[in-house]
C-alpha atoms as a PDB file:
ATOM      1  CA  MET A   1       1.843   7.659  -7.588  1.00  0.00           C
ATOM      2  CA  GLU A   2       2.412   8.652  -3.993  1.00  0.00           C
ATOM      3  CA  ALA A   3      -0.019  10.006  -1.394  1.00  0.00           C
ATOM      4  CA  ILE A   4      -2.687  11.194  -3.817  1.00  0.00           C
ATOM      5  CA  PRO A   5      -6.465  10.754  -3.570  1.00  0.00           C
ATOM      6  CA  ALA A   6      -7.541   7.215  -4.428  1.00  0.00           C
ATOM      7  CA  ALA A   7     -10.176   8.471  -6.883  1.00  0.00           C
ATOM      8  CA  LEU A   8      -7.546  10.441  -8.818  1.00  0.00           C
ATOM      9  CA  ALA A   9      -5.168   7.475  -8.920  1.00  0.00           C
ATOM     10  CA  ALA A  10      -8.011   5.256 -10.156  1.00  0.00           C
ATOM     11  CA  GLU A  11      -8.829   7.699 -12.966  1.00  0.00           C
ATOM     12  CA  VAL A  12      -5.185   8.003 -14.007  1.00  0.00           C
ATOM     13  CA  THR A  13      -4.872   4.199 -14.002  1.00  0.00           C
ATOM     14  CA  ARG A  14      -7.994   3.848 -16.177  1.00  0.00           C
ATOM     15  CA  ARG A  15      -6.717   6.390 -18.711  1.00  0.00           C
ATOM     16  CA  LEU A  16      -3.179   5.073 -19.083  1.00  0.00           C
ATOM     17  CA  THR A  17      -2.144   2.082 -21.151  1.00  0.00           C
ATOM     18  CA  ILE A  18       0.864   1.435 -18.919  1.00  0.00           C
ATOM     19  CA  PRO A  19       0.808  -0.003 -15.381  1.00  0.00           C
ATOM     20  CA  THR A  20       0.644   2.387 -12.443  1.00  0.00           C
ATOM     21  CA  ILE A  21       2.309   1.760  -9.102  1.00  0.00           C
ATOM     22  CA  GLY A  22       0.914   3.330  -5.963  1.00  0.00           C
ATOM     23  CA  ILE A  23       2.078   4.077  -2.455  1.00  0.00           C
ATOM     24  CA  GLY A  24      -0.738   5.704  -0.554  1.00  0.00           C
ATOM     25  CA  ALA A  25      -2.709   6.105  -3.779  1.00  0.00           C
ATOM     26  CA  GLY A  26      -5.480   3.553  -3.250  1.00  0.00           C
ATOM     27  CA  PRO A  27      -6.175   0.014  -4.393  1.00  0.00           C
ATOM     28  CA  GLU A  28      -7.003   0.789  -8.046  1.00  0.00           C
ATOM     29  CA  CYS A  29      -3.372   1.207  -9.107  1.00  0.00           C
ATOM     30  CA  SER A  30      -1.954  -1.648 -11.159  1.00  0.00           C
ATOM     31  CA  GLY A  31       0.475  -2.487  -8.357  1.00  0.00           C
ATOM     32  CA  GLN A  32       1.507  -1.422  -4.876  1.00  0.00           C
ATOM     33  CA  VAL A  33       4.840  -0.633  -3.268  1.00  0.00           C
ATOM     34  CA  LEU A  34       5.679  -0.222   0.393  1.00  0.00           C
ATOM     35  CA  VAL A  35       9.190   0.303   1.761  1.00  0.00           C
ATOM     36  CA  LEU A  36      10.378  -2.797   3.637  1.00  0.00           C
ATOM     37  CA  HIS A  37      10.953  -1.000   6.937  1.00  0.00           C
ATOM     38  CA  ASP A  38       7.325   0.183   6.763  1.00  0.00           C
ATOM     39  CA  VAL A  39       6.094  -3.361   6.048  1.00  0.00           C
ATOM     40  CA  LEU A  40       8.044  -4.559   9.090  1.00  0.00           C
ATOM     41  CA  GLY A  41       6.992  -1.694  11.350  1.00  0.00           C
ATOM     42  CA  VAL A  42      10.501  -0.416  12.023  1.00  0.00           C
ATOM     43  CA  PHE A  43       9.921   3.182  10.973  1.00  0.00           C
ATOM     44  CA  PRO A  44      11.229   5.979  13.205  1.00  0.00           C
ATOM     45  CA  GLY A  45       8.846   8.653  14.416  1.00  0.00           C
ATOM     46  CA  ARG A  46       5.410   9.192  12.962  1.00  0.00           C
ATOM     47  CA  LYS A  47       4.241   6.694  10.350  1.00  0.00           C
ATOM     48  CA  ALA A  48       2.663   7.774   7.074  1.00  0.00           C
ATOM     49  CA  LYS A  49      -1.085   7.259   6.622  1.00  0.00           C
ATOM     50  CA  PHE A  50      -0.514   4.603   3.962  1.00  0.00           C
ATOM     51  CA  VAL A  51       1.724   2.424   6.169  1.00  0.00           C
ATOM     52  CA  LYS A  52       0.540  -0.834   7.701  1.00  0.00           C
ATOM     53  CA  ASN A  53       2.736  -2.875  10.052  1.00  0.00           C
ATOM     54  CA  PHE A  54       2.555  -6.371   8.564  1.00  0.00           C
ATOM     55  CA  MET A  55       5.015  -7.714  11.147  1.00  0.00           C
ATOM     56  CA  GLU A  56       2.422  -7.283  13.891  1.00  0.00           C
ATOM     57  CA  GLY A  57       1.222 -10.746  14.870  1.00  0.00           C
ATOM     58  CA  GLN A  58       3.796 -12.499  12.659  1.00  0.00           C
ATOM     59  CA  THR A  59       6.711 -14.596  13.891  1.00  0.00           C
ATOM     60  CA  SER A  60       9.129 -13.941  11.024  1.00  0.00           C
ATOM     61  CA  ILE A  61      10.021 -11.366   8.401  1.00  0.00           C
ATOM     62  CA  ASP A  62       9.153 -13.949   5.748  1.00  0.00           C
ATOM     63  CA  ALA A  63       5.635 -14.294   7.172  1.00  0.00           C
ATOM     64  CA  ALA A  64       5.170 -10.510   7.260  1.00  0.00           C
ATOM     65  CA  VAL A  65       6.260 -10.113   3.635  1.00  0.00           C
ATOM     66  CA  ARG A  66       4.019 -13.008   2.564  1.00  0.00           C
ATOM     67  CA  LEU A  67       1.085 -11.367   4.353  1.00  0.00           C
ATOM     68  CA  TYR A  68       1.785  -8.074   2.549  1.00  0.00           C
ATOM     69  CA  VAL A  69       1.834  -9.855  -0.824  1.00  0.00           C
ATOM     70  CA  GLN A  70      -1.361 -11.764   0.019  1.00  0.00           C
ATOM     71  CA  GLU A  71      -3.222  -8.601   1.075  1.00  0.00           C
ATOM     72  CA  VAL A  72      -2.116  -6.680  -2.026  1.00  0.00           C
ATOM     73  CA  LYS A  73      -3.153  -9.526  -4.338  1.00  0.00           C
ATOM     74  CA  SER A  74      -6.524  -9.947  -2.615  1.00  0.00           C
ATOM     75  CA  GLY A  75      -7.212  -6.204  -2.587  1.00  0.00           C
ATOM     76  CA  ALA A  76      -7.339  -6.041   1.212  1.00  0.00           C
ATOM     77  CA  PHE A  77      -4.390  -3.621   1.208  1.00  0.00           C
ATOM     78  CA  PRO A  78      -4.447  -0.731   0.871  1.00  0.00           C
ATOM     79  CA  ALA A  79      -7.720  -0.313   2.762  1.00  0.00           C
ATOM     80  CA  VAL A  80      -9.678   2.927   3.092  1.00  0.00           C
ATOM     81  CA  GLU A  81      -7.693   3.919   6.182  1.00  0.00           C
ATOM     82  CA  HIS A  82      -4.465   3.766   4.134  1.00  0.00           C
ATOM     83  CA  THR A  83      -5.665   6.070   1.338  1.00  0.00           C
ATOM     84  CA  PHE A  84      -6.388   9.744   0.804  1.00  0.00           C
ATOM     85  CA  ALA A  85      -9.680  11.319  -0.280  1.00  0.00           C
ATOM     86  CA  VAL A  86     -10.348  14.297  -2.528  1.00  0.00           C
END
């Protein structure tokens, strides 16, 4: 699910018996996806609301990707500022 209100994505996830994958759909999806160039902060022009630059403050691509994985697993990403409301 992409760029939909977090509450809607949460309800869809609760009702389905299959995993849901979100990008800009809130933390209640079964999993998250973010395009690598967004994870690394190398996007041209305006960034989407659901993008977070995980390379910021990191010294390697490996560290940035590990941080992304850690934040998704812990529930820290996506945060409220990366999601849409109804």
